[in-house]
C-alpha cells in the first residue's frame, strides 16, 4: 500500500503494520483525504494475511488533533444537508474499518489526542500512551454532539457510562495519568517510548494465534448487544469451532514438546 497522506510500513519479520499520521506541523489534523485513506488502509490491513497486528501513531508531538479547522471545518459550513451526511457517514466508516479489521489494533499515543483523534484511539483495541499524552472528546466545545463517530457506543464500554457522559459532555482534556486511572489508557510510558512499547506488544500478539485473536475481537463487539444467555451460546459455538482449528492442536503439541508454538 502507498497512501499519499499517511506513512505506512509493514514488517514481514514480525507481521506488524504501522500507520503514521504525518502532518506534524498541523498536529496531525485530519483532512477529507486522510479520513478516506485511513479507512481504506485499515481495510487493506484486514485483508492482508501477512499483517497480524496494526499500530497507529502520529508523527511529531501529537497523536491527532482532530479535524483540521481550515481544511474540514471551514468547508463544512458551506455544504448542504446531503453532503454533510456523506461526510459524517465517512467518518463513522473509519471507526467501522478499525473495528472490522481482523487483527489487533494498538494506538501508540505519542502526544495529545483530541476530537476525532480521541475517537480513533478509543476505536483501537489497546491504547499505550506517552506520559504527556492528554485526551479530549472536544465535539460539544464546537457546538456538536459529543456522540460522534461512535463515541457514545465506544467510550461507555471502556470507562463506564458515568465517566463517558462527563468526557463527552464537557469536552475537557484529561491527563495521561487520569486516563490510565479510569481505564481509557491501558498503559502509560515515558515520553518518546509509546511507539516502541506499542510495537513490542503488537509483535507479541502477532506471534499468537491470529484466528483466535480475530474471534476474540469480534466477540467483544458482538456481545455488547447481547444478554448473558445469548453471549454464552455464542461463545460456546465459537469455542467448539476453534477446538477443531490447527492452532489448538499446535498449542497442545508445543506444550508436550516443551517448545514455542508456531501458530498459523
C-alpha atoms as a PDB file:
ATOM      1  CA  UNK A   1       0.000   0.000   0.000  1.00  0.00           C
ATOM      2  CA  UNK A   2       1.211   3.507  -0.805  1.00  0.00           C
ATOM      3  CA  UNK A   3      -1.153   6.037   0.798  1.00  0.00           C
ATOM      4  CA  UNK A   4      -0.239   9.613  -0.099  1.00  0.00           C
ATOM      5  CA  UNK A   5      -1.301  11.347   3.122  1.00  0.00           C
ATOM      6  CA  UNK A   6      -0.032   8.770   5.625  1.00  0.00           C
ATOM      7  CA  UNK A   7       3.107   6.809   6.315  1.00  0.00           C
ATOM      8  CA  UNK A   8       2.663   3.056   6.064  1.00  0.00           C
ATOM      9  CA  UNK A   9       5.189   0.343   6.862  1.00  0.00           C
ATOM     10  CA  UNK A  10       4.822  -3.403   7.226  1.00  0.00           C
ATOM     11  CA  UNK A  11       7.458  -5.612   8.824  1.00  0.00           C
ATOM     12  CA  UNK A  12       7.330  -9.090   7.231  1.00  0.00           C
ATOM     13  CA  UNK A  13       9.507 -10.448  10.007  1.00  0.00           C
ATOM     14  CA  UNK A  14       7.050  -9.602  12.783  1.00  0.00           C
ATOM     15  CA  UNK A  15       3.776  -9.258  10.894  1.00  0.00           C
ATOM     16  CA  UNK A  16       3.262  -5.758  12.350  1.00  0.00           C
ATOM     17  CA  UNK A  17       1.979  -2.918  10.156  1.00  0.00           C
ATOM     18  CA  UNK A  18       2.458   0.675  11.310  1.00  0.00           C
ATOM     19  CA  UNK A  19       0.215   3.533  10.192  1.00  0.00           C
ATOM     20  CA  UNK A  20       1.562   7.006  10.971  1.00  0.00           C
ATOM     21  CA  UNK A  21      -0.456  10.208  10.695  1.00  0.00           C
ATOM     22  CA  UNK A  22       2.042  12.508   9.045  1.00  0.00           C
ATOM     23  CA  UNK A  23       1.138  16.188   9.372  1.00  0.00           C
ATOM     24  CA  UNK A  24       3.277  17.089  12.388  1.00  0.00           C
ATOM     25  CA  UNK A  25       3.179  20.792  11.551  1.00  0.00           C
ATOM     26  CA  UNK A  26      -0.639  20.653  11.965  1.00  0.00           C
ATOM     27  CA  UNK A  27      -0.580  18.290  14.967  1.00  0.00           C
ATOM     28  CA  UNK A  28      -1.716  15.555  12.571  1.00  0.00           C
ATOM     29  CA  UNK A  29      -5.070  17.215  11.987  1.00  0.00           C
ATOM     30  CA  UNK A  30      -7.329  15.245   9.673  1.00  0.00           C
ATOM     31  CA  UNK A  31      -8.380  16.240   6.179  1.00  0.00           C
ATOM     32  CA  UNK A  32     -11.029  14.719   3.907  1.00  0.00           C
ATOM     33  CA  UNK A  33      -8.268  12.818   2.124  1.00  0.00           C
ATOM     34  CA  UNK A  34      -6.754  11.479   5.357  1.00  0.00           C
ATOM     35  CA  UNK A  35     -10.108  10.218   6.625  1.00  0.00           C
ATOM     36  CA  UNK A  36     -10.614   8.340   3.377  1.00  0.00           C
ATOM     37  CA  UNK A  37      -7.088   6.940   3.235  1.00  0.00           C
ATOM     38  CA  UNK A  38      -7.198   5.838   6.855  1.00  0.00           C
ATOM     39  CA  UNK A  39     -10.361   3.807   6.394  1.00  0.00           C
ATOM     40  CA  UNK A  40      -9.063   2.239   3.178  1.00  0.00           C
ATOM     41  CA  UNK A  41      -5.710   1.429   4.801  1.00  0.00           C
ATOM     42  CA  UNK A  42      -7.336  -0.298   7.783  1.00  0.00           C
ATOM     43  CA  UNK A  43      -9.494  -2.352   5.426  1.00  0.00           C
ATOM     44  CA  UNK A  44      -6.441  -3.328   3.383  1.00  0.00           C
ATOM     45  CA  UNK A  45      -4.654  -4.400   6.565  1.00  0.00           C
ATOM     46  CA  UNK A  46      -7.629  -6.563   7.447  1.00  0.00           C
ATOM     47  CA  UNK A  47      -7.438  -8.351   4.106  1.00  0.00           C
ATOM     48  CA  UNK A  48      -3.645  -8.772   4.058  1.00  0.00           C
ATOM     49  CA  UNK A  49      -2.910 -12.151   5.648  1.00  0.00           C
ATOM     50  CA  UNK A  50       0.726 -11.119   6.157  1.00  0.00           C
ATOM     51  CA  UNK A  51      -0.435  -8.406   8.591  1.00  0.00           C
ATOM     52  CA  UNK A  52      -1.073  -9.897  12.031  1.00  0.00           C
ATOM     53  CA  UNK A  53      -1.234  -6.714  14.143  1.00  0.00           C
ATOM     54  CA  UNK A  54      -1.510  -2.979  13.447  1.00  0.00           C
ATOM     55  CA  UNK A  55      -0.071   0.028  15.277  1.00  0.00           C
ATOM     56  CA  UNK A  56      -1.395   3.529  14.596  1.00  0.00           C
ATOM     57  CA  UNK A  57       0.532   6.589  15.795  1.00  0.00           C
ATOM     58  CA  UNK A  58       1.310  10.191  14.929  1.00  0.00           C
ATOM     59  CA  UNK A  59       4.416  11.995  13.744  1.00  0.00           C
ATOM     60  CA  UNK A  60       5.850  14.780  15.874  1.00  0.00           C
ATOM     61  CA  UNK A  61       4.434  15.901  19.201  1.00  0.00           C
ATOM     62  CA  UNK A  62       0.742  14.969  18.787  1.00  0.00           C
ATOM     63  CA  UNK A  63      -1.208  11.837  18.034  1.00  0.00           C
ATOM     64  CA  UNK A  64      -4.077  13.626  16.277  1.00  0.00           C
ATOM     65  CA  UNK A  65      -5.758  16.966  16.958  1.00  0.00           C
ATOM     66  CA  UNK A  66      -8.987  16.044  15.148  1.00  0.00           C
ATOM     67  CA  UNK A  67     -10.486  17.604  12.039  1.00  0.00           C
ATOM     68  CA  UNK A  68      -8.445  20.413  10.524  1.00  0.00           C
ATOM     69  CA  UNK A  69     -10.155  23.766  11.168  1.00  0.00           C
ATOM     70  CA  UNK A  70      -9.189  25.148   7.762  1.00  0.00           C
ATOM     71  CA  UNK A  71      -9.357  22.035   5.589  1.00  0.00           C
ATOM     72  CA  UNK A  72     -12.512  20.427   7.057  1.00  0.00           C
ATOM     73  CA  UNK A  73     -14.482  22.579   9.482  1.00  0.00           C
ATOM     74  CA  UNK A  74     -14.446  25.717   7.336  1.00  0.00           C
ATOM     75  CA  UNK A  75     -15.574  23.946   4.131  1.00  0.00           C
ATOM     76  CA  UNK A  76     -18.332  22.064   6.010  1.00  0.00           C
ATOM     77  CA  UNK A  77     -20.061  25.379   6.768  1.00  0.00           C
ATOM     78  CA  UNK A  78     -20.852  25.814   3.066  1.00  0.00           C
ATOM     79  CA  UNK A  79     -22.116  22.253   2.447  1.00  0.00           C
ATOM     80  CA  UNK A  80     -25.713  21.161   2.142  1.00  0.00           C
ATOM     81  CA  UNK A  81     -27.524  18.546   4.200  1.00  0.00           C
ATOM     82  CA  UNK A  82     -26.759  15.664   1.841  1.00  0.00           C
ATOM     83  CA  UNK A  83     -23.051  16.486   1.644  1.00  0.00           C
ATOM     84  CA  UNK A  84     -22.811  16.839   5.414  1.00  0.00           C
ATOM     85  CA  UNK A  85     -24.389  13.422   5.912  1.00  0.00           C
ATOM     86  CA  UNK A  86     -21.989  11.904   3.383  1.00  0.00           C
ATOM     87  CA  UNK A  87     -19.094  13.321   5.399  1.00  0.00           C
ATOM     88  CA  UNK A  88     -20.335  12.160   8.810  1.00  0.00           C
ATOM     89  CA  UNK A  89     -21.016   8.700   7.417  1.00  0.00           C
ATOM     90  CA  UNK A  90     -17.469   8.581   6.034  1.00  0.00           C
ATOM     91  CA  UNK A  91     -16.003   9.458   9.446  1.00  0.00           C
ATOM     92  CA  UNK A  92     -18.125   6.737  11.049  1.00  0.00           C
ATOM     93  CA  UNK A  93     -16.935   4.305   8.384  1.00  0.00           C
ATOM     94  CA  UNK A  94     -13.355   4.882   9.539  1.00  0.00           C
ATOM     95  CA  UNK A  95     -14.307   3.657  13.020  1.00  0.00           C
ATOM     96  CA  UNK A  96     -16.085   0.684  11.464  1.00  0.00           C
ATOM     97  CA  UNK A  97     -12.949  -0.129   9.453  1.00  0.00           C
ATOM     98  CA  UNK A  98     -10.873  -0.164  12.650  1.00  0.00           C
ATOM     99  CA  UNK A  99     -13.359  -2.375  14.483  1.00  0.00           C
ATOM    100  CA  UNK A 100     -13.780  -4.720  11.498  1.00  0.00           C
ATOM    101  CA  UNK A 101     -10.033  -5.052  10.953  1.00  0.00           C
ATOM    102  CA  UNK A 102      -9.471  -8.695  11.882  1.00  0.00           C
ATOM    103  CA  UNK A 103      -6.143  -8.032  13.599  1.00  0.00           C
ATOM    104  CA  UNK A 104      -5.491  -6.365  16.960  1.00  0.00           C
ATOM    105  CA  UNK A 105      -5.101  -2.595  16.527  1.00  0.00           C
ATOM    106  CA  UNK A 106      -2.942  -0.740  19.055  1.00  0.00           C
ATOM    107  CA  UNK A 107      -2.875   3.044  19.373  1.00  0.00           C
ATOM    108  CA  UNK A 108       0.548   4.458  20.251  1.00  0.00           C
ATOM    109  CA  UNK A 109      -0.403   7.853  21.645  1.00  0.00           C
ATOM    110  CA  UNK A 110       2.823   9.783  21.268  1.00  0.00           C
ATOM    111  CA  UNK A 111       1.057  13.029  22.216  1.00  0.00           C
ATOM    112  CA  UNK A 112      -2.361  14.635  22.617  1.00  0.00           C
ATOM    113  CA  UNK A 113      -5.450  13.072  21.046  1.00  0.00           C
ATOM    114  CA  UNK A 114      -8.415  15.390  20.562  1.00  0.00           C
ATOM    115  CA  UNK A 115     -11.814  15.243  18.871  1.00  0.00           C
ATOM    116  CA  UNK A 116     -11.762  12.699  16.082  1.00  0.00           C
ATOM    117  CA  UNK A 117      -8.253  11.741  17.172  1.00  0.00           C
ATOM    118  CA  UNK A 118      -9.633  10.712  20.563  1.00  0.00           C
ATOM    119  CA  UNK A 119     -12.338   8.592  18.910  1.00  0.00           C
ATOM    120  CA  UNK A 120      -9.763   6.896  16.659  1.00  0.00           C
ATOM    121  CA  UNK A 121      -7.818   6.000  19.806  1.00  0.00           C
ATOM    122  CA  UNK A 122     -10.978   4.719  21.508  1.00  0.00           C
ATOM    123  CA  UNK A 123     -11.800   2.575  18.466  1.00  0.00           C
ATOM    124  CA  UNK A 124      -8.479   0.763  18.784  1.00  0.00           C
ATOM    125  CA  UNK A 125      -8.284  -2.409  20.853  1.00  0.00           C
ATOM    126  CA  UNK A 126      -5.468  -1.218  23.126  1.00  0.00           C
ATOM    127  CA  UNK A 127      -4.052   2.238  23.900  1.00  0.00           C
ATOM    128  CA  UNK A 128      -0.459   2.832  25.024  1.00  0.00           C
ATOM    129  CA  UNK A 129       0.269   6.480  25.766  1.00  0.00           C
ATOM    130  CA  UNK A 130       3.193   8.761  26.479  1.00  0.00           C
ATOM    131  CA  UNK A 131       3.138  10.430  29.890  1.00  0.00           C
ATOM    132  CA  UNK A 132       2.321  13.795  28.292  1.00  0.00           C
ATOM    133  CA  UNK A 133      -0.475  12.458  26.034  1.00  0.00           C
ATOM    134  CA  UNK A 134      -3.708  14.136  27.093  1.00  0.00           C
ATOM    135  CA  UNK A 135      -7.051  13.198  25.544  1.00  0.00           C
ATOM    136  CA  UNK A 136     -10.316  15.094  24.956  1.00  0.00           C
ATOM    137  CA  UNK A 137     -13.569  14.477  23.095  1.00  0.00           C
ATOM    138  CA  UNK A 138     -13.993  18.100  22.031  1.00  0.00           C
ATOM    139  CA  UNK A 139     -17.200  17.956  19.982  1.00  0.00           C
ATOM    140  CA  UNK A 140     -19.505  19.855  22.356  1.00  0.00           C
ATOM    141  CA  UNK A 141     -16.899  22.626  22.534  1.00  0.00           C
ATOM    142  CA  UNK A 142     -17.703  23.456  18.887  1.00  0.00           C
ATOM    143  CA  UNK A 143     -21.465  23.071  19.191  1.00  0.00           C
ATOM    144  CA  UNK A 144     -21.694  19.454  18.040  1.00  0.00           C
ATOM    145  CA  UNK A 145     -22.969  16.342  19.787  1.00  0.00           C
ATOM    146  CA  UNK A 146     -20.454  14.541  21.933  1.00  0.00           C
ATOM    147  CA  UNK A 147     -21.811  11.383  20.295  1.00  0.00           C
ATOM    148  CA  UNK A 148     -19.697  11.491  17.146  1.00  0.00           C
ATOM    149  CA  UNK A 149     -18.091   8.681  15.145  1.00  0.00           C
ATOM    150  CA  UNK A 150     -19.479   6.088  17.556  1.00  0.00           C
ATOM    151  CA  UNK A 151     -18.041   7.725  20.681  1.00  0.00           C
ATOM    152  CA  UNK A 152     -21.244   7.158  22.674  1.00  0.00           C
ATOM    153  CA  UNK A 153     -21.011   3.426  21.915  1.00  0.00           C
ATOM    154  CA  UNK A 154     -17.257   3.015  22.289  1.00  0.00           C
ATOM    155  CA  UNK A 155     -16.498   5.068  25.380  1.00  0.00           C
ATOM    156  CA  UNK A 156     -19.037   3.658  27.892  1.00  0.00           C
ATOM    157  CA  UNK A 157     -17.740   0.178  27.113  1.00  0.00           C
ATOM    158  CA  UNK A 158     -14.238   1.318  28.092  1.00  0.00           C
ATOM    159  CA  UNK A 159     -14.773   3.645  31.072  1.00  0.00           C
ATOM    160  CA  UNK A 160     -18.439   3.211  32.064  1.00  0.00           C
ATOM    161  CA  UNK A 161     -21.495   5.325  31.346  1.00  0.00           C
ATOM    162  CA  UNK A 162     -20.951   7.990  34.001  1.00  0.00           C
ATOM    163  CA  UNK A 163     -17.362   8.803  33.087  1.00  0.00           C
ATOM    164  CA  UNK A 164     -18.203   8.633  29.394  1.00  0.00           C
ATOM    165  CA  UNK A 165     -21.028  11.137  29.910  1.00  0.00           C
ATOM    166  CA  UNK A 166     -18.659  13.554  31.643  1.00  0.00           C
ATOM    167  CA  UNK A 167     -15.973  13.270  28.972  1.00  0.00           C
ATOM    168  CA  UNK A 168     -18.421  13.618  26.078  1.00  0.00           C
ATOM    169  CA  UNK A 169     -20.456  16.441  27.609  1.00  0.00           C
ATOM    170  CA  UNK A 170     -17.639  18.631  28.934  1.00  0.00           C
ATOM    171  CA  UNK A 171     -15.105  18.077  26.173  1.00  0.00           C
ATOM    172  CA  UNK A 172     -12.397  18.546  28.812  1.00  0.00           C
ATOM    173  CA  UNK A 173      -8.853  17.286  28.375  1.00  0.00           C
ATOM    174  CA  UNK A 174      -7.729  14.727  30.925  1.00  0.00           C
ATOM    175  CA  UNK A 175      -4.130  13.796  31.670  1.00  0.00           C
ATOM    176  CA  UNK A 176      -2.499  10.509  30.765  1.00  0.00           C
ATOM    177  CA  UNK A 177      -2.466   9.522  34.438  1.00  0.00           C
ATOM    178  CA  UNK A 178      -6.211  10.160  34.746  1.00  0.00           C
ATOM    179  CA  UNK A 179      -6.912   8.306  31.502  1.00  0.00           C
ATOM    180  CA  UNK A 180      -4.948   5.365  32.870  1.00  0.00           C
ATOM    181  CA  UNK A 181      -6.786   5.513  36.197  1.00  0.00           C
ATOM    182  CA  UNK A 182     -10.234   5.289  34.569  1.00  0.00           C
ATOM    183  CA  UNK A 183      -9.162   2.586  32.119  1.00  0.00           C
ATOM    184  CA  UNK A 184      -9.153   4.665  28.939  1.00  0.00           C
ATOM    185  CA  UNK A 185      -5.413   4.050  28.547  1.00  0.00           C
ATOM    186  CA  UNK A 186      -4.061   0.544  29.025  1.00  0.00           C
ATOM    187  CA  UNK A 187      -0.541   1.685  29.783  1.00  0.00           C
ATOM    188  CA  UNK A 188       1.402   4.945  30.210  1.00  0.00           C
ATOM    189  CA  UNK A 189       5.101   5.065  29.386  1.00  0.00           C
ATOM    190  CA  UNK A 190       7.764   7.764  29.315  1.00  0.00           C
ATOM    191  CA  UNK A 191       7.591  10.354  26.554  1.00  0.00           C
ATOM    192  CA  UNK A 192       9.194   9.014  23.402  1.00  0.00           C
ATOM    193  CA  UNK A 193       8.538   5.370  24.299  1.00  0.00           C
ATOM    194  CA  UNK A 194       4.893   4.881  23.261  1.00  0.00           C
ATOM    195  CA  UNK A 195       5.596   3.680  19.738  1.00  0.00           C
ATOM    196  CA  UNK A 196       8.271   1.233  20.887  1.00  0.00           C
ATOM    197  CA  UNK A 197       6.042  -0.187  23.612  1.00  0.00           C
ATOM    198  CA  UNK A 198       3.080  -0.494  21.247  1.00  0.00           C
ATOM    199  CA  UNK A 199       5.198  -2.144  18.563  1.00  0.00           C
ATOM    200  CA  UNK A 200       6.612  -4.620  21.075  1.00  0.00           C
ATOM    201  CA  UNK A 201       3.102  -5.590  22.197  1.00  0.00           C
ATOM    202  CA  UNK A 202       1.898  -5.789  18.594  1.00  0.00           C
ATOM    203  CA  UNK A 203       4.774  -8.151  17.743  1.00  0.00           C
ATOM    204  CA  UNK A 204       3.882 -10.322  20.720  1.00  0.00           C
ATOM    205  CA  UNK A 205       0.243 -10.526  19.593  1.00  0.00           C
ATOM    206  CA  UNK A 206       1.354 -11.163  16.013  1.00  0.00           C
ATOM    207  CA  UNK A 207       3.174 -14.289  17.200  1.00  0.00           C
ATOM    208  CA  UNK A 208      -0.068 -15.543  18.715  1.00  0.00           C
ATOM    209  CA  UNK A 209      -2.974 -17.466  17.161  1.00  0.00           C
ATOM    210  CA  UNK A 210      -4.378 -14.912  14.711  1.00  0.00           C
ATOM    211  CA  UNK A 211      -7.624 -16.826  14.149  1.00  0.00           C
ATOM    212  CA  UNK A 212      -8.337 -16.932  17.888  1.00  0.00           C
ATOM    213  CA  UNK A 213      -7.495 -13.245  18.314  1.00  0.00           C
ATOM    214  CA  UNK A 214      -9.753 -12.357  15.389  1.00  0.00           C
ATOM    215  CA  UNK A 215     -12.688 -14.126  17.022  1.00  0.00           C
ATOM    216  CA  UNK A 216     -11.898 -12.580  20.406  1.00  0.00           C
ATOM    217  CA  UNK A 217     -12.017  -9.090  18.912  1.00  0.00           C
ATOM    218  CA  UNK A 218     -15.259  -9.819  17.059  1.00  0.00           C
ATOM    219  CA  UNK A 219     -16.862 -11.219  20.218  1.00  0.00           C
ATOM    220  CA  UNK A 220     -16.101  -8.087  22.227  1.00  0.00           C
ATOM    221  CA  UNK A 221     -18.182  -6.028  19.803  1.00  0.00           C
ATOM    222  CA  UNK A 222     -20.867  -8.614  19.021  1.00  0.00           C
ATOM    223  CA  UNK A 223     -21.624  -9.496  22.635  1.00  0.00           C
ATOM    224  CA  UNK A 224     -22.023  -5.855  23.653  1.00  0.00           C
ATOM    225  CA  UNK A 225     -25.595  -6.068  22.338  1.00  0.00           C
ATOM    226  CA  UNK A 226     -26.424  -9.498  23.765  1.00  0.00           C
ATOM    227  CA  UNK A 227     -27.914 -10.699  27.017  1.00  0.00           C
ATOM    228  CA  UNK A 228     -25.951 -13.259  29.051  1.00  0.00           C
ATOM    229  CA  UNK A 229     -27.710 -16.325  27.650  1.00  0.00           C
ATOM    230  CA  UNK A 230     -27.096 -15.249  24.060  1.00  0.00           C
ATOM    231  CA  UNK A 231     -23.463 -14.417  24.837  1.00  0.00           C
ATOM    232  CA  UNK A 232     -22.876 -17.783  26.472  1.00  0.00           C
ATOM    233  CA  UNK A 233     -24.335 -19.640  23.499  1.00  0.00           C
ATOM    234  CA  UNK A 234     -22.294 -17.551  21.033  1.00  0.00           C
ATOM    235  CA  UNK A 235     -19.096 -18.273  22.960  1.00  0.00           C
ATOM    236  CA  UNK A 236     -19.881 -21.971  23.238  1.00  0.00           C
ATOM    237  CA  UNK A 237     -20.322 -22.264  19.478  1.00  0.00           C
ATOM    238  CA  UNK A 238     -17.209 -20.264  18.593  1.00  0.00           C
ATOM    239  CA  UNK A 239     -15.057 -22.113  21.121  1.00  0.00           C
ATOM    240  CA  UNK A 240     -16.222 -25.502  19.881  1.00  0.00           C
ATOM    241  CA  UNK A 241     -15.351 -24.466  16.326  1.00  0.00           C
ATOM    242  CA  UNK A 242     -11.899 -23.235  17.368  1.00  0.00           C
ATOM    243  CA  UNK A 243     -11.203 -26.580  19.016  1.00  0.00           C
ATOM    244  CA  UNK A 244     -11.135 -28.061  15.512  1.00  0.00           C
ATOM    245  CA  UNK A 245      -8.619 -25.452  14.267  1.00  0.00           C
ATOM    246  CA  UNK A 246      -4.981 -26.387  13.681  1.00  0.00           C
ATOM    247  CA  UNK A 247      -3.783 -23.792  16.205  1.00  0.00           C
ATOM    248  CA  UNK A 248      -5.488 -25.665  19.059  1.00  0.00           C
ATOM    249  CA  UNK A 249      -3.605 -28.841  18.147  1.00  0.00           C
ATOM    250  CA  UNK A 250      -0.381 -26.878  17.693  1.00  0.00           C
ATOM    251  CA  UNK A 251      -0.684 -25.359  21.176  1.00  0.00           C
ATOM    252  CA  UNK A 252      -1.052 -28.846  22.655  1.00  0.00           C
ATOM    253  CA  UNK A 253       1.805 -30.340  20.631  1.00  0.00           C
ATOM    254  CA  UNK A 254       4.095 -27.448  21.570  1.00  0.00           C
ATOM    255  CA  UNK A 255       3.256 -27.847  25.264  1.00  0.00           C
ATOM    256  CA  UNK A 256       4.033 -31.554  25.172  1.00  0.00           C
ATOM    257  CA  UNK A 257       7.274 -30.953  23.269  1.00  0.00           C
ATOM    258  CA  UNK A 258       8.224 -28.038  25.545  1.00  0.00           C
ATOM    259  CA  UNK A 259       8.687 -25.641  22.635  1.00  0.00           C
ATOM    260  CA  UNK A 260       7.152 -22.361  21.500  1.00  0.00           C
ATOM    261  CA  UNK A 261       4.029 -22.887  19.365  1.00  0.00           C
ATOM    262  CA  UNK A 262       4.059 -21.857  15.709  1.00  0.00           C
ATOM    263  CA  UNK A 263       0.560 -20.614  15.052  1.00  0.00           C
ATOM    264  CA  UNK A 264      -0.958 -20.139  11.612  1.00  0.00           C
END
